[in-house]
Amino acid sequence: MAYPQTDRKHDPRIVIPVDDDFKEKVAVAVIRYRMGTTARFGREAFEHYIRHLEKESEPIKTEAA
């Protein structure tokens, strides 16, 4: 039996509740992937890497002449 053709990205019937715990798990998984390791690491390392990403994303500050 064929499935109905629906655009899953924009289908209003599909609702996925997301809580903060889930968001943190996803963030950790993304960071592990980007670091190229599946090793577990502590919250301090996690927060250090988040600060590193925040520094990278800040615009470069230049002094006006």
N, C-alpha and C. Protein backbone atom coordinates (compact mmCIF):
# COMPACT_ATOMS: atom_id res chain seq x y z
N MET A 1 0.83 -1.18 0.00
CA MET A 1 0.00 0.00 0.00
C MET A 1 0.88 1.25 0.00
N ALA A 2 0.56 2.17 -0.86
CA ALA A 2 1.37 3.38 -0.99
C ALA A 2 1.00 4.39 0.08
N TYR A 3 2.01 5.13 0.52
CA TYR A 3 1.76 6.20 1.48
C TYR A 3 1.26 7.44 0.74
N PRO A 4 0.40 8.23 1.37
CA PRO A 4 -0.05 9.46 0.71
C PRO A 4 1.13 10.43 0.54
N GLN A 5 1.14 11.12 -0.57
CA GLN A 5 2.23 12.07 -0.84
C GLN A 5 1.99 13.36 -0.06
N THR A 6 2.76 13.57 0.97
CA THR A 6 2.64 14.80 1.75
C THR A 6 4.02 15.41 1.92
N ASP A 7 4.05 16.71 2.00
CA ASP A 7 5.30 17.40 2.27
C ASP A 7 5.49 17.38 3.78
N ARG A 8 6.31 16.48 4.28
CA ARG A 8 6.43 16.28 5.72
C ARG A 8 6.96 17.51 6.45
N LYS A 9 7.78 18.31 5.78
CA LYS A 9 8.33 19.48 6.45
C LYS A 9 7.26 20.49 6.82
N HIS A 10 6.23 20.59 6.00
CA HIS A 10 5.22 21.61 6.21
C HIS A 10 3.85 21.03 6.52
N ASP A 11 3.81 19.76 6.88
CA ASP A 11 2.54 19.11 7.18
C ASP A 11 2.09 19.54 8.58
N PRO A 12 0.99 20.28 8.70
CA PRO A 12 0.57 20.77 10.02
C PRO A 12 0.11 19.66 10.96
N ARG A 13 -0.14 18.46 10.44
CA ARG A 13 -0.58 17.36 11.30
C ARG A 13 0.57 16.78 12.11
N ILE A 14 1.79 17.04 11.68
CA ILE A 14 2.95 16.48 12.37
C ILE A 14 3.43 17.50 13.40
N VAL A 15 3.26 17.19 14.67
CA VAL A 15 3.68 18.08 15.74
C VAL A 15 4.63 17.31 16.64
N ILE A 16 5.83 17.83 16.79
CA ILE A 16 6.82 17.18 17.63
C ILE A 16 7.12 18.10 18.81
N PRO A 17 6.68 17.73 20.01
CA PRO A 17 6.99 18.58 21.16
C PRO A 17 8.49 18.50 21.49
N VAL A 18 9.10 19.64 21.73
CA VAL A 18 10.53 19.69 22.02
C VAL A 18 10.74 20.41 23.34
N ASP A 19 11.38 19.72 24.28
CA ASP A 19 11.68 20.36 25.56
C ASP A 19 13.18 20.70 25.62
N ASP A 20 13.58 21.42 26.65
CA ASP A 20 14.96 21.87 26.77
C ASP A 20 15.94 20.71 26.88
N ASP A 21 15.54 19.62 27.54
CA ASP A 21 16.41 18.46 27.69
C ASP A 21 16.73 17.87 26.32
N PHE A 22 15.72 17.80 25.46
CA PHE A 22 15.92 17.28 24.11
C PHE A 22 16.86 18.19 23.32
N LYS A 23 16.67 19.51 23.45
CA LYS A 23 17.53 20.46 22.73
C LYS A 23 18.98 20.29 23.16
N GLU A 24 19.20 20.08 24.46
CA GLU A 24 20.57 19.91 24.95
C GLU A 24 21.18 18.62 24.40
N LYS A 25 20.39 17.54 24.35
CA LYS A 25 20.89 16.28 23.80
C LYS A 25 21.27 16.44 22.33
N VAL A 26 20.46 17.16 21.58
CA VAL A 26 20.76 17.39 20.17
C VAL A 26 22.03 18.22 20.04
N ALA A 27 22.16 19.26 20.88
CA ALA A 27 23.35 20.10 20.83
C ALA A 27 24.61 19.28 21.12
N VAL A 28 24.54 18.41 22.11
CA VAL A 28 25.69 17.56 22.45
C VAL A 28 26.03 16.64 21.28
N ALA A 29 25.01 16.06 20.65
CA ALA A 29 25.25 15.17 19.52
C ALA A 29 25.90 15.92 18.36
N VAL A 30 25.44 17.13 18.10
CA VAL A 30 26.02 17.94 17.01
C VAL A 30 27.47 18.28 17.32
N ILE A 31 27.73 18.66 18.57
CA ILE A 31 29.11 19.00 18.96
C ILE A 31 30.01 17.78 18.85
N ARG A 32 29.55 16.63 19.30
CA ARG A 32 30.36 15.41 19.18
C ARG A 32 30.67 15.12 17.72
N TYR A 33 29.68 15.30 16.85
CA TYR A 33 29.88 15.05 15.42
C TYR A 33 30.91 16.02 14.86
N ARG A 34 30.78 17.31 15.22
CA ARG A 34 31.70 18.31 14.69
C ARG A 34 33.11 18.12 15.23
N MET A 35 33.24 17.59 16.43
CA MET A 35 34.55 17.35 17.02
C MET A 35 35.14 16.03 16.51
N GLY A 36 34.34 15.24 15.86
CA GLY A 36 34.84 13.99 15.30
C GLY A 36 35.04 12.91 16.34
N THR A 37 34.26 12.92 17.41
CA THR A 37 34.42 11.91 18.44
C THR A 37 33.05 11.52 18.98
N THR A 38 32.96 10.30 19.45
CA THR A 38 31.73 9.88 20.10
C THR A 38 31.96 9.73 21.60
N ALA A 39 33.15 10.18 22.05
CA ALA A 39 33.48 10.06 23.47
C ALA A 39 32.58 10.96 24.30
N ARG A 40 32.26 10.49 25.50
CA ARG A 40 31.47 11.33 26.40
C ARG A 40 32.43 12.35 27.02
N PHE A 41 31.92 13.54 27.23
CA PHE A 41 32.73 14.53 27.92
C PHE A 41 31.86 15.29 28.90
N GLY A 42 32.49 15.90 29.87
CA GLY A 42 31.76 16.55 30.96
C GLY A 42 31.13 17.87 30.57
N ARG A 43 30.33 18.38 31.47
CA ARG A 43 29.61 19.63 31.24
C ARG A 43 30.58 20.80 31.06
N GLU A 44 31.72 20.78 31.76
CA GLU A 44 32.70 21.87 31.61
C GLU A 44 33.23 21.93 30.19
N ALA A 45 33.54 20.78 29.61
CA ALA A 45 34.03 20.76 28.23
C ALA A 45 32.94 21.22 27.28
N PHE A 46 31.72 20.81 27.55
CA PHE A 46 30.57 21.22 26.73
C PHE A 46 30.43 22.74 26.76
N GLU A 47 30.46 23.33 27.96
CA GLU A 47 30.31 24.77 28.10
C GLU A 47 31.49 25.51 27.48
N HIS A 48 32.70 24.95 27.60
CA HIS A 48 33.87 25.57 26.98
C HIS A 48 33.71 25.62 25.46
N TYR A 49 33.23 24.54 24.88
CA TYR A 49 33.05 24.51 23.43
C TYR A 49 31.96 25.48 23.00
N ILE A 50 30.89 25.60 23.79
CA ILE A 50 29.82 26.56 23.48
C ILE A 50 30.39 27.98 23.49
N ARG A 51 31.21 28.30 24.49
CA ARG A 51 31.83 29.64 24.53
C ARG A 51 32.71 29.85 23.30
N HIS A 52 33.44 28.80 22.90
CA HIS A 52 34.28 28.89 21.70
C HIS A 52 33.43 29.20 20.47
N LEU A 53 32.30 28.53 20.33
CA LEU A 53 31.41 28.79 19.20
C LEU A 53 30.85 30.21 19.25
N GLU A 54 30.50 30.68 20.46
CA GLU A 54 29.97 32.03 20.60
C GLU A 54 31.01 33.06 20.19
N LYS A 55 32.29 32.84 20.55
CA LYS A 55 33.35 33.77 20.16
C LYS A 55 33.49 33.79 18.64
N GLU A 56 33.42 32.61 18.01
CA GLU A 56 33.54 32.54 16.55
C GLU A 56 32.41 33.29 15.87
N SER A 57 31.22 33.26 16.46
CA SER A 57 30.06 33.85 15.80
C SER A 57 29.94 35.35 16.04
N GLU A 58 30.75 35.90 16.97
CA GLU A 58 30.69 37.34 17.22
C GLU A 58 31.29 38.09 16.04
N PRO A 59 30.70 39.24 15.68
CA PRO A 59 31.30 40.04 14.61
C PRO A 59 32.65 40.59 15.05
N ILE A 60 33.54 40.76 14.11
CA ILE A 60 34.87 41.28 14.43
C ILE A 60 34.74 42.75 14.80
N LYS A 61 35.29 43.09 15.97
CA LYS A 61 35.19 44.47 16.45
C LYS A 61 36.36 45.28 15.89
N THR A 62 36.06 46.37 15.22
CA THR A 62 37.10 47.25 14.71
C THR A 62 36.89 48.63 15.32
N GLU A 63 38.00 49.27 15.65
CA GLU A 63 37.90 50.61 16.24
C GLU A 63 37.79 51.64 15.13
N ALA A 64 36.88 52.59 15.31
CA ALA A 64 36.71 53.65 14.31
C ALA A 64 37.91 54.60 14.39
N ALA A 65 38.42 54.98 13.24
CA ALA A 65 39.60 55.86 13.19
C ALA A 65 39.21 57.31 13.43
